[in-house]
């Protein structure tokens, strides 16, 4: 979860991950040099071993922060959760309904279809559109550096 100056939204976003029906996940919060109390906003969640917090030395931009998180993830799947958004409680479970995530850990670096009341669905990048489930591409087949972060990927 790359974040910059989003401390006021972080508790809701991280709380939505803790509310998942699936409990086997990891969260990597990458603070992109925020000056707004982001460490304090993440603090209450850091006692959970599934949550890691990394602070970049200065604001390097969304792509750099996202790639830093992707480089640290250990899960078989990666889901993008924006720091100012929230997952529905069954968001991570949805791909596993087909059995595709059985025995795997999900990394929430963040989603292709975040829960935003009243907003239109986001369009997935071209390289994910051929997928038949929410899990759209093996990690090895996605671009090395992600520019459009609205995708859910599988290693």
C-alpha atoms as a PDB file:
ATOM      1  CA  UNK A   1       0.000   0.000   0.000  1.00  0.00           C
ATOM      2  CA  UNK A   2       1.940   3.011  -1.203  1.00  0.00           C
ATOM      3  CA  UNK A   3       0.859   6.151   0.636  1.00  0.00           C
ATOM      4  CA  UNK A   4       1.712   9.825   0.703  1.00  0.00           C
ATOM      5  CA  UNK A   5       0.009  12.349   2.986  1.00  0.00           C
ATOM      6  CA  UNK A   6      -3.010  10.045   3.541  1.00  0.00           C
ATOM      7  CA  UNK A   7      -2.849   9.564   7.330  1.00  0.00           C
ATOM      8  CA  UNK A   8      -6.492  10.454   7.824  1.00  0.00           C
ATOM      9  CA  UNK A   9      -7.629   7.676   5.447  1.00  0.00           C
ATOM     10  CA  UNK A  10      -5.202   4.918   6.473  1.00  0.00           C
ATOM     11  CA  UNK A  11      -7.169   3.526   9.443  1.00  0.00           C
ATOM     12  CA  UNK A  12     -10.194   2.897   7.194  1.00  0.00           C
ATOM     13  CA  UNK A  13      -8.129   1.290   4.439  1.00  0.00           C
ATOM     14  CA  UNK A  14      -6.102  -0.921   6.764  1.00  0.00           C
ATOM     15  CA  UNK A  15      -9.199  -1.702   8.836  1.00  0.00           C
ATOM     16  CA  UNK A  16     -10.929  -2.990   5.700  1.00  0.00           C
ATOM     17  CA  UNK A  17      -8.101  -5.465   5.249  1.00  0.00           C
ATOM     18  CA  UNK A  18      -8.448  -6.642   8.862  1.00  0.00           C
ATOM     19  CA  UNK A  19     -12.178  -7.148   8.168  1.00  0.00           C
ATOM     20  CA  UNK A  20     -11.518  -9.636   5.338  1.00  0.00           C
ATOM     21  CA  UNK A  21     -13.166 -13.046   5.536  1.00  0.00           C
ATOM     22  CA  UNK A  22      -9.773 -14.458   4.521  1.00  0.00           C
ATOM     23  CA  UNK A  23      -7.146 -13.951   7.221  1.00  0.00           C
ATOM     24  CA  UNK A  24      -4.010 -15.185   5.436  1.00  0.00           C
ATOM     25  CA  UNK A  25      -2.618 -11.964   3.949  1.00  0.00           C
ATOM     26  CA  UNK A  26       0.233  -9.542   4.415  1.00  0.00           C
ATOM     27  CA  UNK A  27       0.192  -5.771   4.184  1.00  0.00           C
ATOM     28  CA  UNK A  28       3.187  -3.687   3.239  1.00  0.00           C
ATOM     29  CA  UNK A  29       2.597   0.022   3.834  1.00  0.00           C
ATOM     30  CA  UNK A  30       5.180   2.071   1.956  1.00  0.00           C
ATOM     31  CA  UNK A  31       5.243   5.642   3.268  1.00  0.00           C
ATOM     32  CA  UNK A  32       6.484   7.813   0.415  1.00  0.00           C
ATOM     33  CA  UNK A  33       7.998  10.502   2.643  1.00  0.00           C
ATOM     34  CA  UNK A  34       4.758  11.744   4.255  1.00  0.00           C
ATOM     35  CA  UNK A  35       4.865  14.570   6.790  1.00  0.00           C
ATOM     36  CA  UNK A  36       1.292  14.196   8.040  1.00  0.00           C
ATOM     37  CA  UNK A  37       1.413  11.611  10.804  1.00  0.00           C
ATOM     38  CA  UNK A  38       1.349   8.510   8.612  1.00  0.00           C
ATOM     39  CA  UNK A  39       3.602   6.500  10.991  1.00  0.00           C
ATOM     40  CA  UNK A  40       1.188   7.238  13.840  1.00  0.00           C
ATOM     41  CA  UNK A  41      -1.835   6.271  11.710  1.00  0.00           C
ATOM     42  CA  UNK A  42      -0.258   2.903  10.871  1.00  0.00           C
ATOM     43  CA  UNK A  43       1.088   2.415  14.413  1.00  0.00           C
ATOM     44  CA  UNK A  44      -1.922   0.640  15.951  1.00  0.00           C
ATOM     45  CA  UNK A  45      -1.789  -2.026  13.221  1.00  0.00           C
ATOM     46  CA  UNK A  46       1.945  -2.717  13.348  1.00  0.00           C
ATOM     47  CA  UNK A  47       1.688  -5.112  16.268  1.00  0.00           C
ATOM     48  CA  UNK A  48       0.089  -7.604  13.861  1.00  0.00           C
ATOM     49  CA  UNK A  49       2.841  -9.700  12.205  1.00  0.00           C
ATOM     50  CA  UNK A  50       1.009  -9.485   8.853  1.00  0.00           C
ATOM     51  CA  UNK A  51       1.666  -5.719   8.690  1.00  0.00           C
ATOM     52  CA  UNK A  52       4.992  -4.195   7.688  1.00  0.00           C
ATOM     53  CA  UNK A  53       5.754  -0.485   7.478  1.00  0.00           C
ATOM     54  CA  UNK A  54       8.507   0.929   5.279  1.00  0.00           C
ATOM     55  CA  UNK A  55       9.356   4.612   5.013  1.00  0.00           C
ATOM     56  CA  UNK A  56      11.107   6.023   1.970  1.00  0.00           C
ATOM     57  CA  UNK A  57      13.625   8.782   2.742  1.00  0.00           C
ATOM     58  CA  UNK A  58      11.735  11.349   0.647  1.00  0.00           C
ATOM     59  CA  UNK A  59       8.771  11.542  -1.711  1.00  0.00           C
ATOM     60  CA  UNK A  60       9.787   9.479  -4.748  1.00  0.00           C
ATOM     61  CA  UNK A  61       6.332   9.102  -6.303  1.00  0.00           C
ATOM     62  CA  UNK A  62       3.615   6.474  -6.455  1.00  0.00           C
ATOM     63  CA  UNK A  63       5.460   4.187  -8.883  1.00  0.00           C
ATOM     64  CA  UNK A  64       8.599   4.043  -6.739  1.00  0.00           C
ATOM     65  CA  UNK A  65       6.583   3.405  -3.571  1.00  0.00           C
ATOM     66  CA  UNK A  66       4.483   0.696  -5.246  1.00  0.00           C
ATOM     67  CA  UNK A  67       7.549  -1.011  -6.674  1.00  0.00           C
ATOM     68  CA  UNK A  68       9.231  -0.906  -3.246  1.00  0.00           C
ATOM     69  CA  UNK A  69       6.208  -2.724  -1.804  1.00  0.00           C
ATOM     70  CA  UNK A  70       6.109  -5.233  -4.642  1.00  0.00           C
ATOM     71  CA  UNK A  71       9.774  -5.991  -4.058  1.00  0.00           C
ATOM     72  CA  UNK A  72       9.042  -6.887  -0.428  1.00  0.00           C
ATOM     73  CA  UNK A  73       5.892  -8.963  -0.844  1.00  0.00           C
ATOM     74  CA  UNK A  74       6.021 -12.670  -0.078  1.00  0.00           C
ATOM     75  CA  UNK A  75       2.523 -13.729  -1.123  1.00  0.00           C
ATOM     76  CA  UNK A  76       1.504 -15.698  -4.183  1.00  0.00           C
ATOM     77  CA  UNK A  77      -1.018 -12.986  -5.078  1.00  0.00           C
ATOM     78  CA  UNK A  78      -0.787  -9.205  -5.002  1.00  0.00           C
ATOM     79  CA  UNK A  79      -3.777  -6.913  -4.614  1.00  0.00           C
ATOM     80  CA  UNK A  80      -3.505  -3.143  -4.723  1.00  0.00           C
ATOM     81  CA  UNK A  81      -5.394  -1.328  -1.976  1.00  0.00           C
ATOM     82  CA  UNK A  82      -5.087   2.454  -2.289  1.00  0.00           C
ATOM     83  CA  UNK A  83      -4.479   4.119   1.067  1.00  0.00           C
ATOM     84  CA  UNK A  84      -7.595   6.275   0.631  1.00  0.00           C
ATOM     85  CA  UNK A  85      -9.881   3.356  -0.279  1.00  0.00           C
ATOM     86  CA  UNK A  86     -11.301   0.189   1.272  1.00  0.00           C
ATOM     87  CA  UNK A  87     -11.893  -3.447   0.356  1.00  0.00           C
ATOM     88  CA  UNK A  88     -15.264  -5.148   0.691  1.00  0.00           C
ATOM     89  CA  UNK A  89     -15.034  -7.909   3.350  1.00  0.00           C
ATOM     90  CA  UNK A  90     -14.890 -10.691   0.745  1.00  0.00           C
ATOM     91  CA  UNK A  91     -12.552  -8.953  -1.702  1.00  0.00           C
ATOM     92  CA  UNK A  92      -9.601 -11.283  -1.145  1.00  0.00           C
ATOM     93  CA  UNK A  93     -11.879 -14.336  -0.877  1.00  0.00           C
ATOM     94  CA  UNK A  94     -13.448 -13.692  -4.315  1.00  0.00           C
ATOM     95  CA  UNK A  95     -10.568 -15.174  -6.353  1.00  0.00           C
ATOM     96  CA  UNK A  96     -10.308 -18.103  -3.947  1.00  0.00           C
ATOM     97  CA  UNK A  97     -13.924 -19.084  -4.604  1.00  0.00           C
ATOM     98  CA  UNK A  98     -12.615 -20.836  -7.725  1.00  0.00           C
ATOM     99  CA  UNK A  99      -9.913 -22.543  -5.646  1.00  0.00           C
ATOM    100  CA  UNK A 100      -7.137 -20.584  -7.330  1.00  0.00           C
ATOM    101  CA  UNK A 101      -5.725 -19.164  -4.095  1.00  0.00           C
ATOM    102  CA  UNK A 102      -5.967 -22.284  -1.961  1.00  0.00           C
ATOM    103  CA  UNK A 103      -3.050 -22.471   0.429  1.00  0.00           C
ATOM    104  CA  UNK A 104      -1.668 -19.141  -0.768  1.00  0.00           C
ATOM    105  CA  UNK A 105      -0.992 -15.879   0.960  1.00  0.00           C
ATOM    106  CA  UNK A 106      -2.322 -12.633  -0.461  1.00  0.00           C
ATOM    107  CA  UNK A 107      -0.191  -9.507  -0.336  1.00  0.00           C
ATOM    108  CA  UNK A 108      -2.120  -6.287  -0.160  1.00  0.00           C
ATOM    109  CA  UNK A 109       0.236  -3.826  -1.722  1.00  0.00           C
ATOM    110  CA  UNK A 110      -3.852  -3.049  -2.809  1.00  0.00           C
ATOM    111  CA  UNK A 111      -7.398  -3.812  -6.192  1.00  0.00           C
ATOM    112  CA  UNK A 112      -8.795  -3.872  -9.592  1.00  0.00           C
ATOM    113  CA  UNK A 113     -12.237  -3.119  -8.180  1.00  0.00           C
ATOM    114  CA  UNK A 114     -11.936  -1.139  -4.968  1.00  0.00           C
ATOM    115  CA  UNK A 115     -15.078  -0.453  -2.979  1.00  0.00           C
ATOM    116  CA  UNK A 116     -16.072   3.127  -3.583  1.00  0.00           C
ATOM    117  CA  UNK A 117     -19.701   3.941  -3.013  1.00  0.00           C
ATOM    118  CA  UNK A 118     -21.341   5.268  -6.126  1.00  0.00           C
ATOM    119  CA  UNK A 119     -18.265   5.296  -8.345  1.00  0.00           C
ATOM    120  CA  UNK A 120     -17.932   3.603 -11.702  1.00  0.00           C
ATOM    121  CA  UNK A 121     -15.706   0.522 -11.948  1.00  0.00           C
ATOM    122  CA  UNK A 122     -12.122   1.143 -12.980  1.00  0.00           C
ATOM    123  CA  UNK A 123     -10.855  -0.165 -16.282  1.00  0.00           C
ATOM    124  CA  UNK A 124      -8.132  -2.781 -15.968  1.00  0.00           C
ATOM    125  CA  UNK A 125      -4.913  -2.360 -17.967  1.00  0.00           C
ATOM    126  CA  UNK A 126      -4.798  -4.176 -21.305  1.00  0.00           C
ATOM    127  CA  UNK A 127      -2.412  -6.838 -20.005  1.00  0.00           C
ATOM    128  CA  UNK A 128      -5.020  -7.994 -17.463  1.00  0.00           C
ATOM    129  CA  UNK A 129      -8.183  -7.998 -19.568  1.00  0.00           C
ATOM    130  CA  UNK A 130      -7.851 -11.552 -20.869  1.00  0.00           C
ATOM    131  CA  UNK A 131      -8.215 -13.058 -17.402  1.00  0.00           C
ATOM    132  CA  UNK A 132     -11.337 -15.053 -16.634  1.00  0.00           C
ATOM    133  CA  UNK A 133     -11.181 -14.469 -12.855  1.00  0.00           C
ATOM    134  CA  UNK A 134     -10.165 -11.657 -10.538  1.00  0.00           C
ATOM    135  CA  UNK A 135      -6.661 -13.111 -10.593  1.00  0.00           C
ATOM    136  CA  UNK A 136      -5.500 -11.758 -13.884  1.00  0.00           C
ATOM    137  CA  UNK A 137      -1.867 -12.496 -14.633  1.00  0.00           C
ATOM    138  CA  UNK A 138       1.012 -14.492 -13.271  1.00  0.00           C
ATOM    139  CA  UNK A 139       3.536 -12.250 -11.575  1.00  0.00           C
ATOM    140  CA  UNK A 140       6.259 -13.364 -13.981  1.00  0.00           C
ATOM    141  CA  UNK A 141       4.188 -12.210 -16.983  1.00  0.00           C
ATOM    142  CA  UNK A 142       3.323  -8.688 -15.813  1.00  0.00           C
ATOM    143  CA  UNK A 143       5.458  -5.672 -16.644  1.00  0.00           C
ATOM    144  CA  UNK A 144       8.529  -5.393 -14.427  1.00  0.00           C
ATOM    145  CA  UNK A 145       7.617  -1.865 -13.378  1.00  0.00           C
ATOM    146  CA  UNK A 146       3.916  -1.265 -12.949  1.00  0.00           C
ATOM    147  CA  UNK A 147       2.589   2.048 -14.161  1.00  0.00           C
ATOM    148  CA  UNK A 148      -1.158   1.452 -13.800  1.00  0.00           C
ATOM    149  CA  UNK A 149      -1.772   0.091 -10.321  1.00  0.00           C
ATOM    150  CA  UNK A 150      -5.377  -1.009 -10.820  1.00  0.00           C
ATOM    151  CA  UNK A 151      -4.591  -4.702 -11.208  1.00  0.00           C
ATOM    152  CA  UNK A 152      -4.712  -7.839  -9.144  1.00  0.00           C
ATOM    153  CA  UNK A 153      -1.907 -10.207 -10.122  1.00  0.00           C
ATOM    154  CA  UNK A 154      -0.706 -13.722  -9.406  1.00  0.00           C
ATOM    155  CA  UNK A 155       2.935 -14.754  -9.261  1.00  0.00           C
END
